[in-house]
Amino acid sequence: MIAGPLTVVGTGLASASYAVPANIAFAVIAAVMVYSAFRVVTTENVVHAALYLVLVLAGVAANFILLGAEFVGVTQVLVYIGAVIVLFLFGIMLTRAQMGADESVAKERRAMAALVGVILAGVMTFALIDSFEDVEINRLEPSTTAEISDSIFRNYIVPFEAVSVLLLAALIGAIVIARKE
């Protein structure tokens, strides 16, 4: 009963009038995300890399909104774009990161990084296909905000708090490194 990559079985989002514009929007957003992700790892300026990362994260939020998960999309914007990217930029500015090309990165290191990236992409692709091969999305009604928050704060409270402590430690570490000079 699944008609396309963004068509959800059930009521509401599965209408024929929604499927084509949603697929076009997904394609445009995905193209922007892929280009921005490529620029994150290839740009020579770390501030520009952080700004390209903003585009990638905004694309993720837009895809969540396309899928009908408005709460998760808005949370993506508030938490990742609003907080994490600001923390990255704050850390970049505090540590006075080198701008421009880094001559210490030799061609053999880039070749090894490309090899590791291809191997990692292959392993992730195999794991995703193996794990979700027979899964079908069957949602008769959208999840409520209460269900999502109960899932986050009941089942995943420890990882949620661990990430917040990790981000706080990174911010304190950036301040300590910047203050030594």
Protein backbone atom coordinates (compact mmCIF):
# COMPACT_ATOMS: atom_id res chain seq x y z
CA MET A 1 0.00 0.00 0.00
CA ILE A 2 2.98 2.35 -0.01
CA ALA A 3 2.83 4.46 -3.17
CA GLY A 4 6.09 6.40 -2.93
CA PRO A 5 8.97 7.40 -0.68
CA LEU A 6 6.99 10.07 1.15
CA THR A 7 3.49 8.62 0.98
CA VAL A 8 2.23 7.35 4.32
CA VAL A 9 -0.43 4.65 4.51
CA GLY A 10 -3.51 5.86 6.35
CA THR A 11 -5.58 8.99 6.34
CA GLY A 12 -4.44 12.53 5.74
CA LEU A 13 -0.96 12.44 4.25
CA ALA A 14 -1.67 9.70 1.71
CA SER A 15 -3.90 11.72 -0.58
CA ALA A 16 -2.94 11.85 -4.24
CA SER A 17 -2.89 15.66 -4.26
CA TYR A 18 -0.19 15.69 -1.58
CA ALA A 19 2.17 13.01 -2.94
CA VAL A 20 3.56 14.76 -6.05
CA PRO A 21 4.33 18.18 -4.51
CA ALA A 22 5.79 16.45 -1.44
CA ASN A 23 8.08 14.35 -3.61
CA ILE A 24 9.22 17.42 -5.57
CA ALA A 25 9.85 19.32 -2.33
CA PHE A 26 11.75 16.32 -0.95
CA ALA A 27 13.93 16.17 -4.07
CA VAL A 28 14.78 19.87 -3.88
CA ILE A 29 15.50 19.70 -0.14
CA ALA A 30 17.59 16.54 -0.57
CA ALA A 31 19.65 18.14 -3.34
CA VAL A 32 20.35 21.20 -1.18
CA MET A 33 21.25 18.94 1.75
CA VAL A 34 23.65 16.80 -0.28
CA TYR A 35 25.38 19.86 -1.75
CA SER A 36 25.62 21.51 1.68
CA ALA A 37 26.93 18.33 3.31
CA PHE A 38 29.60 18.08 0.62
CA ARG A 39 30.56 21.72 1.24
CA VAL A 40 30.74 21.13 5.01
CA VAL A 41 33.64 18.75 4.51
CA THR A 42 35.32 20.48 1.57
CA THR A 43 35.26 24.17 2.46
CA GLU A 44 38.46 25.66 3.81
CA ASN A 45 36.78 28.11 6.19
CA VAL A 46 35.41 26.58 9.41
CA VAL A 47 32.79 29.31 9.82
CA HIS A 48 31.49 28.59 6.32
CA ALA A 49 31.44 24.88 7.19
CA ALA A 50 29.26 25.63 10.23
CA LEU A 51 26.90 27.71 8.07
CA TYR A 52 26.63 24.90 5.50
CA LEU A 53 25.82 22.60 8.42
CA VAL A 54 22.94 24.95 9.25
CA LEU A 55 21.55 24.28 5.76
CA VAL A 56 21.86 20.52 6.24
CA LEU A 57 20.08 20.64 9.60
CA ALA A 58 17.37 22.93 8.19
CA GLY A 59 16.83 20.39 5.42
CA VAL A 60 16.38 17.64 8.02
CA ALA A 61 13.79 19.79 9.81
CA ALA A 62 11.99 20.45 6.51
CA ASN A 63 11.86 16.73 5.77
CA PHE A 64 10.38 16.05 9.22
CA ILE A 65 7.72 18.67 8.53
CA LEU A 66 7.01 17.07 5.13
CA LEU A 67 6.49 13.74 6.88
CA GLY A 68 3.95 15.26 9.26
CA ALA A 69 6.22 15.30 12.32
CA GLU A 70 5.96 19.01 13.01
CA PHE A 71 7.06 18.70 16.64
CA VAL A 72 10.28 16.92 15.68
CA GLY A 73 10.93 19.45 12.88
CA VAL A 74 10.50 22.45 15.17
CA THR A 75 12.63 20.75 17.83
CA GLN A 76 15.31 20.20 15.18
CA VAL A 77 15.32 23.92 14.42
CA LEU A 78 15.36 25.02 18.05
CA VAL A 79 17.87 22.52 19.40
CA TYR A 80 20.28 21.92 16.54
CA ILE A 81 20.16 25.12 14.54
CA GLY A 82 19.38 27.39 17.47
CA ALA A 83 21.69 25.91 20.08
CA VAL A 84 24.27 23.50 18.71
CA ILE A 85 25.36 25.64 15.76
CA VAL A 86 25.60 28.68 18.02
CA LEU A 87 27.76 26.57 20.35
CA PHE A 88 29.95 25.51 17.40
CA LEU A 89 30.40 29.09 16.24
CA PHE A 90 31.10 30.20 19.81
CA GLY A 91 33.76 27.50 20.14
CA ILE A 92 35.29 28.41 16.79
CA MET A 93 35.54 32.06 17.75
CA LEU A 94 36.87 31.33 21.24
CA THR A 95 39.58 28.94 20.12
CA ARG A 96 40.69 31.21 17.29
CA ALA A 97 40.65 28.34 14.81
CA GLN A 98 42.93 28.69 11.82
CA MET A 99 41.18 30.08 8.76
CA GLY A 100 42.07 28.92 5.27
CA ALA A 101 43.81 25.83 3.97
CA ASP A 102 45.75 23.61 6.36
CA GLU A 103 49.00 22.57 4.68
CA SER A 104 49.60 19.76 7.20
CA VAL A 105 46.88 17.68 5.55
CA ALA A 106 48.72 15.69 2.93
CA LYS A 107 47.26 13.83 -0.05
CA GLU A 108 47.79 10.43 1.55
CA ARG A 109 45.68 11.51 4.53
CA ARG A 110 42.90 12.65 2.19
CA ALA A 111 43.03 9.33 0.33
CA MET A 112 42.79 7.41 3.61
CA ALA A 113 39.91 9.62 4.76
CA ALA A 114 38.08 8.99 1.47
CA LEU A 115 38.64 5.23 1.83
CA VAL A 116 37.32 5.22 5.39
CA GLY A 117 34.32 7.30 4.28
CA VAL A 118 33.44 4.86 1.47
CA ILE A 119 33.80 1.86 3.81
CA LEU A 120 31.65 3.55 6.46
CA ALA A 121 28.97 4.43 3.88
CA GLY A 122 28.93 0.82 2.71
CA VAL A 123 28.59 -0.57 6.24
CA MET A 124 25.82 1.90 7.08
CA THR A 125 23.95 1.10 3.85
CA PHE A 126 24.16 -2.63 4.54
CA ALA A 127 23.00 -2.15 8.15
CA LEU A 128 20.03 0.02 7.13
CA ILE A 129 18.90 -2.32 4.38
CA ASP A 130 19.32 -5.36 6.63
CA SER A 131 17.46 -3.75 9.54
CA PHE A 132 14.55 -2.12 7.69
CA GLU A 133 14.11 -4.42 4.70
CA ASP A 134 10.62 -5.67 5.61
CA VAL A 135 9.35 -2.63 7.52
CA GLU A 136 6.21 -0.93 6.26
CA ILE A 137 5.02 2.43 7.53
CA ASN A 138 1.46 1.97 8.71
CA ARG A 139 0.22 5.01 10.60
CA LEU A 140 -3.47 5.56 10.87
CA GLU A 141 -3.07 8.74 12.90
CA PRO A 142 -0.12 11.04 13.58
CA SER A 143 1.80 10.86 16.85
CA THR A 144 0.89 13.47 19.39
CA THR A 145 3.37 15.73 21.11
CA ALA A 146 2.60 13.98 24.40
CA GLU A 147 3.54 10.58 22.94
CA ILE A 148 6.81 11.93 21.56
CA SER A 149 7.74 13.68 24.81
CA ASP A 150 6.87 10.58 26.83
CA SER A 151 9.13 8.53 24.55
CA ILE A 152 12.01 10.99 24.86
CA PHE A 153 11.81 11.58 28.59
CA ARG A 154 10.86 8.07 29.68
CA ASN A 155 13.04 5.87 27.48
CA TYR A 156 15.88 8.21 26.48
CA ILE A 157 16.38 10.51 29.45
CA VAL A 158 19.89 9.25 30.24
CA PRO A 159 21.29 9.79 26.69
CA PHE A 160 19.48 13.14 26.54
CA GLU A 161 21.17 14.33 29.74
CA ALA A 162 24.52 12.81 28.73
CA VAL A 163 24.53 14.85 25.52
CA SER A 164 23.69 18.04 27.43
CA VAL A 165 26.59 17.42 29.86
CA LEU A 166 28.89 16.69 26.91
CA LEU A 167 27.95 19.98 25.24
CA LEU A 168 28.51 21.85 28.49
CA ALA A 169 31.94 20.22 28.89
CA ALA A 170 32.84 21.17 25.31
CA LEU A 171 31.87 24.78 25.95
CA ILE A 172 33.91 24.91 29.17
CA GLY A 173 36.84 23.27 27.37
CA ALA A 174 36.72 25.90 24.62
CA ILE A 175 36.79 28.67 27.21
CA VAL A 176 39.73 27.08 29.05
CA ILE A 177 41.71 26.67 25.83
CA ALA A 178 41.02 30.25 24.80
CA ARG A 179 41.95 31.65 28.23
CA LYS A 180 45.41 29.98 28.33
CA GLU A 181 46.75 32.54 25.86
